[in-house]
Protein backbone atom coordinates (compact mmCIF):
# COMPACT_ATOMS: atom_id res chain seq x y z
CA MET A 1 104.01 127.87 119.17
CA THR A 2 100.68 126.38 118.10
CA ASN A 3 100.15 124.08 115.12
CA THR A 4 98.31 126.78 113.21
CA GLU A 5 101.15 129.25 113.82
CA ILE A 6 103.62 126.68 112.50
CA TYR A 7 101.34 126.06 109.51
CA ASP A 8 101.13 129.82 108.81
CA LYS A 9 104.93 130.03 108.91
CA LEU A 10 105.18 127.12 106.45
CA LYS A 11 102.57 128.69 104.19
CA SER A 12 104.43 132.01 104.08
CA ALA A 13 107.75 130.26 103.37
CA PHE A 14 106.50 127.81 100.72
CA GLY A 15 103.26 129.30 99.39
CA PRO A 16 101.18 126.92 97.25
CA VAL A 17 103.52 123.99 97.99
CA ILE A 18 101.75 123.78 101.35
CA GLY A 19 98.16 122.62 100.98
CA GLU A 20 95.28 122.70 103.41
CA TRP A 21 95.47 122.56 107.19
CA HIS A 22 93.34 119.76 108.67
CA GLU A 23 92.43 120.63 112.24
CA GLN A 24 91.18 117.65 114.23
CA THR A 25 88.46 118.03 116.82
CA GLY A 26 88.55 116.81 120.38
CA GLY A 27 90.83 117.51 123.28
CA GLU A 28 94.12 119.37 123.14
CA TYR A 29 96.10 116.13 122.83
CA MET A 30 94.04 115.03 119.82
CA LYS A 31 94.36 118.42 118.14
CA ARG A 32 98.10 118.56 118.70
CA LEU A 33 98.96 115.07 117.47
CA SER A 34 96.29 114.44 114.82
CA SER A 35 96.05 117.73 112.97
CA TYR A 36 98.14 117.88 109.81
CA ALA A 37 99.16 119.98 106.83
CA ASP A 38 99.03 118.66 103.28
CA VAL A 39 102.15 119.13 101.21
CA ALA A 40 100.56 119.69 97.80
CA ASP A 41 103.75 119.24 95.78
CA THR A 42 105.37 115.99 96.88
CA SER A 43 108.72 116.91 95.34
CA PHE A 44 109.17 119.56 98.07
CA ILE A 45 108.74 117.31 101.13
CA ARG A 46 112.51 117.14 101.77
CA ASP A 47 112.84 120.94 101.51
CA VAL A 48 109.87 121.48 103.84
CA CYS A 49 111.37 119.06 106.37
CA LEU A 50 114.78 120.76 106.16
CA TYR A 51 113.09 124.11 106.80
CA LEU A 52 111.21 122.71 109.80
CA ARG A 53 114.42 121.26 111.21
CA ASP A 54 116.68 124.28 110.63
CA GLU A 55 114.41 127.31 111.04
CA PRO A 56 115.05 129.13 114.35
CA GLY A 57 111.95 128.90 116.53
CA LEU A 58 110.77 125.70 114.83
CA GLU A 59 113.73 123.30 115.27
CA PHE A 60 111.94 120.02 114.57
CA ASP A 61 114.78 117.73 115.60
CA SER A 62 112.93 114.42 115.50
CA LEU A 63 110.81 112.42 113.13
CA LEU A 64 108.56 110.58 115.57
CA LEU A 65 106.80 108.46 112.97
CA LEU A 66 106.63 108.00 109.24
CA SER A 67 103.59 105.97 108.24
CA SER A 68 101.79 105.11 105.04
CA VAL A 69 98.19 104.45 104.10
CA ASP A 70 96.28 103.15 101.11
CA ASN A 71 93.48 105.67 100.74
CA GLY A 72 91.34 103.27 98.72
CA ASP A 73 90.96 105.73 95.86
CA LYS A 74 94.03 104.71 93.82
CA THR A 75 96.28 106.94 95.97
CA LEU A 76 98.76 106.30 98.77
CA SER A 77 99.76 108.76 101.47
CA VAL A 78 102.81 109.19 103.66
CA ALA A 79 102.38 110.93 107.01
CA TYR A 80 105.30 112.53 108.86
CA HIS A 81 104.84 113.19 112.59
CA LEU A 82 107.50 115.63 113.76
CA GLU A 83 108.58 116.86 117.18
CA SER A 84 110.74 119.66 118.44
CA LYS A 85 112.14 118.56 121.78
CA THR A 86 113.73 121.93 122.46
CA MET A 87 110.68 124.02 121.51
CA ARG A 88 108.13 121.43 122.75
CA HIS A 89 105.83 121.42 119.77
CA TYR A 90 104.58 118.92 117.21
CA ILE A 91 103.27 118.95 113.67
CA ALA A 92 102.25 116.37 111.10
CA LEU A 93 102.63 116.60 107.33
CA LYS A 94 101.03 114.44 104.68
CA VAL A 95 101.86 113.81 101.03
CA THR A 96 99.65 111.87 98.63
CA VAL A 97 100.79 110.11 95.46
CA PRO A 98 99.03 108.03 92.80
CA LEU A 99 99.07 104.28 93.36
CA ASP A 100 100.68 103.64 89.98
CA ASN A 101 103.49 106.19 90.55
CA ALA A 102 104.16 105.97 94.28
CA ILE A 103 107.43 107.90 94.50
CA VAL A 104 108.32 110.33 97.30
CA PRO A 105 111.69 112.02 98.04
CA SER A 106 113.51 110.48 100.99
CA VAL A 107 113.99 112.46 104.20
CA THR A 108 116.90 110.32 105.44
CA GLU A 109 119.26 113.25 104.85
CA VAL A 110 117.12 115.31 107.23
CA TRP A 111 116.62 112.66 109.92
CA SER A 112 118.75 109.54 109.55
CA HIS A 113 116.28 107.45 111.55
CA ALA A 114 113.79 107.80 108.67
CA ASN A 115 115.81 105.04 106.99
CA TRP A 116 113.97 102.03 108.41
CA GLN A 117 110.59 103.75 108.46
CA GLU A 118 110.85 104.50 104.73
CA ARG A 119 111.96 100.92 104.08
CA GLU A 120 108.89 99.66 105.91
CA ALA A 121 106.63 101.91 103.81
CA TRP A 122 108.32 100.48 100.70
CA ASP A 123 107.98 96.89 101.89
CA MET A 124 104.37 97.05 103.05
CA MET A 125 102.88 99.66 100.65
CA GLY A 126 105.23 99.89 97.68
CA ILE A 127 106.08 103.57 98.12
CA LYS A 128 109.54 104.19 96.68
CA PHE A 129 111.67 106.88 98.33
CA LEU A 130 113.98 108.72 95.92
CA ASN A 131 117.64 108.98 97.02
CA HIS A 132 117.13 106.52 99.87
CA PRO A 133 120.51 104.98 100.78
CA ASP A 134 119.22 101.38 101.04
CA MET A 135 115.81 100.95 99.39
CA ARG A 136 115.12 97.25 99.93
CA ARG A 137 112.66 95.14 101.86
CA ILE A 138 112.96 95.17 105.63
CA LEU A 139 110.19 92.84 106.87
CA LEU A 140 109.54 90.44 103.99
CA ASP A 141 111.91 88.26 102.01
CA ASP A 142 113.45 89.81 98.90
CA ASP A 143 111.50 87.47 96.62
CA TRP A 144 108.08 88.29 98.13
CA VAL A 145 105.73 89.52 95.42
CA GLY A 146 103.66 92.64 96.07
CA HIS A 147 103.01 94.87 99.06
CA PRO A 148 100.63 93.29 101.60
CA LEU A 149 99.12 96.41 103.21
CA ARG A 150 97.66 97.68 99.95
CA LYS A 151 93.90 97.26 99.78
CA ASP A 152 94.10 95.52 96.40
CA TYR A 153 96.72 92.98 97.56
CA VAL A 154 95.87 89.33 96.90
CA TYR A 155 97.63 86.93 99.26
CA PRO A 156 99.34 84.01 97.54
CA ASP A 157 98.12 80.49 98.25
CA TYR A 158 101.69 79.24 98.62
CA TYR A 159 105.09 80.77 99.33
CA ARG A 160 108.19 78.61 98.86
CA GLY A 161 106.01 75.50 98.98
CA MET A 162 104.30 76.46 102.24
CA LYS A 163 100.58 77.15 102.54
CA VAL A 164 99.79 80.81 103.20
CA PRO A 165 98.41 81.69 105.71
CA TYR A 166 99.87 79.03 107.95
């Protein structure tokens, strides 16, 4: 099944919840792994992922990567790269939230290995995942202030009496 066929199936199942399809140019590898569908209503990302996992013929059994990006326009995005090992196809989804209200439903109930990837997105970007079983920092100390991969982040001069950067 091609990415556009999967997108069409999502669009017919979820209607306006599924936004635009962004087809990347280049070789087949680039098209397959870099094309993505916007999920226009962030509150449905868990339902969309459950559908992709459980729907016969789709069977997306693995979350390959969950990543986050500061778009530089007061919004943050979360990208979900999914794979079906049994059906041998891939798709990527993307949700975008405002910087000042960066909250996205967790997909740990869909794929348990999303746990640490969501924690990293929280730690580095400040995106909070609703209903996450352990939403705390994973890379930085608990008392670190801010989220260092945001474009507006200002690095502290000192942390616990040590000069930053070293």
